[in-house]
N, C-alpha and C. Protein backbone atom coordinates (compact mmCIF):
# COMPACT_ATOMS: atom_id res chain seq x y z
N MET A 1 -3.93 -34.57 -26.32
CA MET A 1 -5.31 -34.22 -26.10
C MET A 1 -5.73 -34.58 -24.67
N LEU A 2 -5.33 -35.75 -24.20
CA LEU A 2 -5.69 -36.16 -22.85
C LEU A 2 -5.12 -35.20 -21.81
N LYS A 3 -3.87 -34.79 -21.99
CA LYS A 3 -3.24 -33.89 -21.04
C LYS A 3 -3.97 -32.56 -21.00
N ALA A 4 -4.35 -32.03 -22.15
CA ALA A 4 -5.05 -30.75 -22.20
C ALA A 4 -6.41 -30.84 -21.53
N ALA A 5 -7.07 -31.98 -21.64
CA ALA A 5 -8.39 -32.15 -21.05
C ALA A 5 -8.32 -32.22 -19.52
N ALA A 6 -7.16 -32.58 -18.97
CA ALA A 6 -7.04 -32.76 -17.53
C ALA A 6 -6.68 -31.47 -16.78
N THR A 7 -6.40 -30.40 -17.49
CA THR A 7 -5.99 -29.17 -16.82
C THR A 7 -7.19 -28.42 -16.26
N PRO A 8 -6.99 -27.62 -15.21
CA PRO A 8 -8.09 -26.82 -14.67
C PRO A 8 -8.57 -25.79 -15.69
N ASP A 9 -9.77 -25.29 -15.49
CA ASP A 9 -10.35 -24.30 -16.41
C ASP A 9 -9.50 -23.04 -16.52
N HIS A 10 -8.79 -22.69 -15.48
CA HIS A 10 -8.04 -21.45 -15.45
C HIS A 10 -6.56 -21.62 -15.81
N ASN A 11 -6.17 -22.78 -16.26
CA ASN A 11 -4.78 -23.03 -16.63
C ASN A 11 -4.46 -22.33 -17.94
N TYR A 12 -3.21 -21.92 -18.09
CA TYR A 12 -2.77 -21.26 -19.31
C TYR A 12 -1.73 -22.12 -20.00
N PRO A 13 -2.15 -22.96 -20.94
CA PRO A 13 -1.21 -23.83 -21.63
C PRO A 13 -0.12 -23.03 -22.34
N ARG A 14 1.08 -23.55 -22.26
CA ARG A 14 2.25 -22.98 -22.90
C ARG A 14 2.65 -21.61 -22.34
N LEU A 15 2.16 -21.25 -21.16
CA LEU A 15 2.59 -20.04 -20.49
C LEU A 15 4.02 -20.26 -19.99
N SER A 16 4.88 -19.33 -20.27
CA SER A 16 6.27 -19.46 -19.85
C SER A 16 6.41 -19.17 -18.37
N THR A 17 6.49 -20.21 -17.56
CA THR A 17 6.64 -20.01 -16.12
C THR A 17 8.00 -19.40 -15.80
N ARG A 18 8.98 -19.62 -16.65
CA ARG A 18 10.30 -18.99 -16.44
C ARG A 18 10.19 -17.47 -16.58
N ALA A 19 9.45 -17.00 -17.56
CA ALA A 19 9.26 -15.55 -17.74
C ALA A 19 8.46 -14.97 -16.58
N VAL A 20 7.41 -15.64 -16.17
CA VAL A 20 6.60 -15.17 -15.04
C VAL A 20 7.46 -15.14 -13.78
N GLY A 21 8.24 -16.18 -13.56
CA GLY A 21 9.12 -16.22 -12.39
C GLY A 21 10.11 -15.07 -12.39
N GLY A 22 10.62 -14.73 -13.54
CA GLY A 22 11.55 -13.60 -13.65
C GLY A 22 10.89 -12.29 -13.26
N GLN A 23 9.65 -12.10 -13.69
CA GLN A 23 8.92 -10.89 -13.33
C GLN A 23 8.60 -10.85 -11.84
N ILE A 24 8.25 -12.00 -11.28
CA ILE A 24 7.97 -12.06 -9.84
C ILE A 24 9.23 -11.75 -9.04
N LEU A 25 10.37 -12.24 -9.49
CA LEU A 25 11.64 -11.94 -8.83
C LEU A 25 11.92 -10.43 -8.88
N ARG A 26 11.71 -9.81 -10.03
CA ARG A 26 11.91 -8.36 -10.15
C ARG A 26 10.99 -7.60 -9.19
N LEU A 27 9.73 -8.02 -9.13
CA LEU A 27 8.78 -7.38 -8.22
C LEU A 27 9.25 -7.54 -6.78
N SER A 28 9.68 -8.74 -6.42
CA SER A 28 10.17 -9.00 -5.06
C SER A 28 11.35 -8.09 -4.71
N LEU A 29 12.30 -7.97 -5.61
CA LEU A 29 13.47 -7.13 -5.36
C LEU A 29 13.08 -5.67 -5.22
N ALA A 30 12.13 -5.21 -6.03
CA ALA A 30 11.67 -3.82 -5.93
C ALA A 30 10.97 -3.57 -4.60
N ILE A 31 10.13 -4.51 -4.17
CA ILE A 31 9.44 -4.37 -2.89
C ILE A 31 10.45 -4.33 -1.75
N GLN A 32 11.46 -5.21 -1.80
CA GLN A 32 12.47 -5.23 -0.75
C GLN A 32 13.23 -3.90 -0.69
N ALA A 33 13.58 -3.37 -1.85
CA ALA A 33 14.32 -2.10 -1.89
C ALA A 33 13.47 -0.96 -1.33
N LEU A 34 12.21 -0.90 -1.72
CA LEU A 34 11.34 0.16 -1.23
C LEU A 34 11.04 0.02 0.26
N ALA A 35 10.89 -1.22 0.73
CA ALA A 35 10.62 -1.45 2.15
C ALA A 35 11.79 -0.98 3.02
N GLY A 36 12.98 -1.01 2.47
CA GLY A 36 14.16 -0.54 3.20
C GLY A 36 14.25 0.97 3.31
N LYS A 37 13.40 1.68 2.54
CA LYS A 37 13.47 3.14 2.51
C LYS A 37 12.22 3.83 3.04
N ASN A 38 11.05 3.19 2.86
CA ASN A 38 9.79 3.88 3.13
C ASN A 38 8.78 2.97 3.80
N ALA A 39 7.81 3.61 4.46
CA ALA A 39 6.64 2.88 4.92
C ALA A 39 5.79 2.56 3.69
N PRO A 40 4.95 1.55 3.77
CA PRO A 40 4.07 1.25 2.64
C PRO A 40 3.14 2.43 2.34
N ALA A 41 2.77 2.59 1.09
CA ALA A 41 1.92 3.71 0.68
C ALA A 41 0.44 3.44 0.95
N VAL A 42 0.09 2.23 1.32
CA VAL A 42 -1.31 1.89 1.56
C VAL A 42 -1.64 2.02 3.05
N GLY A 43 -2.94 2.10 3.35
CA GLY A 43 -3.37 2.28 4.73
C GLY A 43 -3.31 1.01 5.55
N SER A 44 -3.50 -0.14 4.92
CA SER A 44 -3.47 -1.40 5.66
C SER A 44 -2.95 -2.52 4.78
N ILE A 45 -2.30 -3.49 5.43
CA ILE A 45 -1.73 -4.64 4.73
C ILE A 45 -2.01 -5.89 5.56
N LEU A 46 -2.37 -6.95 4.87
CA LEU A 46 -2.48 -8.27 5.48
C LEU A 46 -1.51 -9.19 4.76
N VAL A 47 -0.55 -9.73 5.48
CA VAL A 47 0.45 -10.64 4.92
C VAL A 47 0.13 -12.04 5.43
N VAL A 48 -0.15 -12.96 4.51
CA VAL A 48 -0.50 -14.33 4.87
C VAL A 48 0.58 -15.25 4.32
N THR A 49 1.11 -16.09 5.21
CA THR A 49 2.11 -17.08 4.79
C THR A 49 1.68 -18.47 5.25
N ASN A 50 2.34 -19.45 4.67
CA ASN A 50 2.05 -20.84 4.95
C ASN A 50 3.34 -21.51 5.41
N LEU A 51 3.40 -21.88 6.67
CA LEU A 51 4.64 -22.47 7.21
C LEU A 51 4.96 -23.84 6.63
N HIS A 52 3.99 -24.48 6.00
CA HIS A 52 4.21 -25.82 5.44
C HIS A 52 4.49 -25.78 3.94
N ASP A 53 4.55 -24.60 3.36
CA ASP A 53 4.76 -24.49 1.92
C ASP A 53 6.12 -25.05 1.54
N PRO A 54 6.15 -26.12 0.74
CA PRO A 54 7.43 -26.73 0.38
C PRO A 54 8.21 -25.92 -0.65
N ASP A 55 7.56 -24.95 -1.29
CA ASP A 55 8.21 -24.22 -2.38
C ASP A 55 8.72 -22.85 -1.98
N LEU A 56 8.42 -22.39 -0.78
CA LEU A 56 8.80 -21.03 -0.40
C LEU A 56 9.53 -20.99 0.93
N ASP A 57 10.39 -20.00 1.05
CA ASP A 57 11.05 -19.68 2.30
C ASP A 57 10.53 -18.31 2.71
N ASN A 58 9.88 -18.21 3.84
CA ASN A 58 9.24 -16.97 4.26
C ASN A 58 10.20 -15.95 4.87
N THR A 59 11.48 -16.23 4.84
CA THR A 59 12.47 -15.34 5.44
C THR A 59 12.41 -13.94 4.84
N VAL A 60 12.35 -13.84 3.52
CA VAL A 60 12.32 -12.54 2.86
C VAL A 60 11.02 -11.81 3.19
N THR A 61 9.91 -12.54 3.20
CA THR A 61 8.63 -11.93 3.56
C THR A 61 8.69 -11.35 4.97
N ASP A 62 9.23 -12.12 5.90
CA ASP A 62 9.37 -11.65 7.28
C ASP A 62 10.25 -10.41 7.35
N LYS A 63 11.30 -10.38 6.56
CA LYS A 63 12.21 -9.23 6.54
C LYS A 63 11.48 -7.98 6.04
N VAL A 64 10.70 -8.13 4.98
CA VAL A 64 9.94 -7.00 4.44
C VAL A 64 8.94 -6.48 5.47
N VAL A 65 8.25 -7.39 6.14
CA VAL A 65 7.31 -6.99 7.20
C VAL A 65 8.04 -6.21 8.29
N ASP A 66 9.19 -6.69 8.71
CA ASP A 66 9.97 -6.00 9.74
C ASP A 66 10.39 -4.60 9.26
N LEU A 67 10.81 -4.50 8.00
CA LEU A 67 11.20 -3.19 7.46
C LEU A 67 10.01 -2.24 7.40
N TRP A 68 8.87 -2.73 6.96
CA TRP A 68 7.67 -1.88 6.93
C TRP A 68 7.33 -1.39 8.33
N ARG A 69 7.38 -2.28 9.31
CA ARG A 69 7.08 -1.87 10.69
C ARG A 69 8.09 -0.84 11.19
N ALA A 70 9.36 -1.05 10.87
CA ALA A 70 10.40 -0.11 11.29
C ALA A 70 10.20 1.27 10.67
N HIS A 71 9.57 1.31 9.51
CA HIS A 71 9.31 2.59 8.83
C HIS A 71 7.91 3.13 9.13
N GLY A 72 7.24 2.55 10.12
CA GLY A 72 5.99 3.13 10.58
C GLY A 72 4.73 2.66 9.88
N ALA A 73 4.71 1.45 9.36
CA ALA A 73 3.48 0.93 8.76
C ALA A 73 2.36 1.03 9.78
N ARG A 74 1.23 1.60 9.38
CA ARG A 74 0.16 1.89 10.33
C ARG A 74 -0.67 0.66 10.69
N ASP A 75 -1.17 -0.04 9.73
CA ASP A 75 -2.06 -1.17 9.99
C ASP A 75 -1.52 -2.38 9.22
N LEU A 76 -0.65 -3.12 9.86
CA LEU A 76 0.01 -4.26 9.23
C LEU A 76 -0.27 -5.51 10.04
N GLN A 77 -1.07 -6.41 9.48
CA GLN A 77 -1.40 -7.66 10.14
C GLN A 77 -0.64 -8.80 9.45
N THR A 78 -0.28 -9.80 10.22
CA THR A 78 0.32 -11.01 9.65
C THR A 78 -0.42 -12.23 10.18
N TYR A 79 -0.44 -13.25 9.35
CA TYR A 79 -1.00 -14.53 9.77
C TYR A 79 -0.21 -15.64 9.09
N GLN A 80 0.10 -16.68 9.83
CA GLN A 80 0.79 -17.84 9.28
C GLN A 80 -0.09 -19.08 9.45
N PHE A 81 -0.39 -19.74 8.34
CA PHE A 81 -1.06 -21.03 8.45
C PHE A 81 -0.04 -22.00 9.03
N PRO A 82 -0.40 -22.70 10.11
CA PRO A 82 0.57 -23.56 10.79
C PRO A 82 0.94 -24.81 10.00
N THR A 83 2.09 -25.32 10.31
CA THR A 83 2.62 -26.51 9.65
C THR A 83 1.70 -27.71 9.80
N ASP A 84 1.08 -27.85 10.96
CA ASP A 84 0.28 -29.05 11.21
C ASP A 84 -0.94 -29.18 10.30
N LEU A 85 -1.32 -28.08 9.62
CA LEU A 85 -2.42 -28.18 8.65
C LEU A 85 -1.97 -28.87 7.35
N ARG A 86 -0.66 -28.93 7.14
CA ARG A 86 -0.06 -29.60 5.98
C ARG A 86 -0.63 -29.08 4.66
N LEU A 87 -0.80 -27.77 4.58
CA LEU A 87 -1.31 -27.15 3.36
C LEU A 87 -0.19 -27.07 2.32
N GLY A 88 -0.55 -27.19 1.07
CA GLY A 88 0.42 -27.11 -0.01
C GLY A 88 0.68 -25.68 -0.44
N HIS A 89 1.34 -25.54 -1.56
CA HIS A 89 1.74 -24.23 -2.07
C HIS A 89 0.54 -23.36 -2.46
N ASP A 90 -0.41 -23.93 -3.14
CA ASP A 90 -1.55 -23.16 -3.63
C ASP A 90 -2.66 -23.17 -2.58
N LEU A 91 -2.84 -22.05 -1.93
CA LEU A 91 -3.80 -21.96 -0.83
C LEU A 91 -5.22 -21.62 -1.25
N THR A 92 -5.45 -21.34 -2.52
CA THR A 92 -6.78 -20.86 -2.89
C THR A 92 -7.47 -21.64 -4.01
N ASP A 93 -6.80 -22.54 -4.65
CA ASP A 93 -7.35 -23.23 -5.82
C ASP A 93 -8.15 -24.46 -5.44
N LEU A 94 -9.46 -24.39 -5.60
CA LEU A 94 -10.32 -25.53 -5.30
C LEU A 94 -10.28 -26.60 -6.38
N GLN A 95 -9.68 -26.32 -7.52
CA GLN A 95 -9.62 -27.28 -8.62
C GLN A 95 -8.33 -28.10 -8.60
N GLN A 96 -7.72 -28.24 -7.47
CA GLN A 96 -6.51 -29.05 -7.36
C GLN A 96 -6.86 -30.52 -7.55
N PRO A 97 -5.95 -31.27 -8.15
CA PRO A 97 -6.21 -32.70 -8.34
C PRO A 97 -6.35 -33.45 -7.01
N ASP A 98 -5.67 -32.98 -5.99
CA ASP A 98 -5.73 -33.62 -4.67
C ASP A 98 -7.02 -33.18 -3.96
N ARG A 99 -7.96 -34.08 -3.84
CA ARG A 99 -9.26 -33.73 -3.23
C ARG A 99 -9.12 -33.34 -1.76
N ASN A 100 -8.15 -33.92 -1.06
CA ASN A 100 -7.93 -33.55 0.34
C ASN A 100 -7.46 -32.10 0.45
N ALA A 101 -6.62 -31.68 -0.48
CA ALA A 101 -6.15 -30.29 -0.48
C ALA A 101 -7.30 -29.34 -0.75
N ALA A 102 -8.14 -29.68 -1.71
CA ALA A 102 -9.30 -28.83 -2.02
C ALA A 102 -10.25 -28.76 -0.84
N ALA A 103 -10.44 -29.87 -0.14
CA ALA A 103 -11.32 -29.89 1.02
C ALA A 103 -10.75 -29.02 2.15
N ALA A 104 -9.44 -29.06 2.34
CA ALA A 104 -8.81 -28.24 3.38
C ALA A 104 -8.93 -26.76 3.05
N ILE A 105 -8.80 -26.43 1.78
CA ILE A 105 -8.95 -25.03 1.36
C ILE A 105 -10.36 -24.55 1.69
N SER A 106 -11.33 -25.34 1.34
CA SER A 106 -12.73 -24.97 1.57
C SER A 106 -13.06 -24.90 3.05
N ALA A 107 -12.57 -25.84 3.83
CA ALA A 107 -12.93 -25.93 5.25
C ALA A 107 -12.09 -25.04 6.16
N VAL A 108 -10.84 -24.80 5.80
CA VAL A 108 -9.92 -24.09 6.70
C VAL A 108 -9.45 -22.75 6.13
N VAL A 109 -8.93 -22.77 4.91
CA VAL A 109 -8.29 -21.58 4.36
C VAL A 109 -9.29 -20.46 4.08
N TYR A 110 -10.32 -20.74 3.34
CA TYR A 110 -11.29 -19.70 3.00
C TYR A 110 -11.90 -19.05 4.24
N PRO A 111 -12.40 -19.83 5.21
CA PRO A 111 -12.96 -19.18 6.40
C PRO A 111 -11.94 -18.31 7.14
N LYS A 112 -10.69 -18.76 7.23
CA LYS A 112 -9.67 -17.98 7.93
C LYS A 112 -9.36 -16.69 7.17
N LEU A 113 -9.25 -16.78 5.84
CA LEU A 113 -8.98 -15.58 5.06
C LEU A 113 -10.12 -14.57 5.20
N LEU A 114 -11.35 -15.04 5.16
CA LEU A 114 -12.50 -14.14 5.33
C LEU A 114 -12.48 -13.50 6.72
N GLU A 115 -12.15 -14.28 7.73
CA GLU A 115 -12.06 -13.73 9.09
C GLU A 115 -10.99 -12.64 9.17
N LEU A 116 -9.84 -12.88 8.57
CA LEU A 116 -8.75 -11.91 8.59
C LEU A 116 -9.10 -10.63 7.83
N ILE A 117 -9.77 -10.79 6.71
CA ILE A 117 -10.15 -9.63 5.90
C ILE A 117 -11.19 -8.79 6.62
N ASP A 118 -12.09 -9.43 7.34
CA ASP A 118 -13.18 -8.73 8.02
C ASP A 118 -12.74 -8.03 9.31
N ARG A 119 -11.52 -8.23 9.75
CA ARG A 119 -11.05 -7.58 11.00
C ARG A 119 -11.00 -6.09 10.85
């Protein structure tokens, strides 16, 4: 009961993260395959990465961006949150247990994302 009470409002107890991860991997592979053949079907794309993310390697993302550009992507913007901000994996969740992370999201991440979207 205590553990359930400590989760964020948007948490999904007993959600199979292994199944979700498998679907995300399939999506990633499909995107990589399509990027190698075609320009993106959308008019504009904003790709945001976090250089300090301990859980991700942005190499594949960079490769997909390069492939899209090589195939004539029209409006493709990229932005990398720098390492010195020391942001964690979840860039948007204000309900993180770490109050410093939530404060950084509110003070740095949200304003930057809004600026990028409004370009």
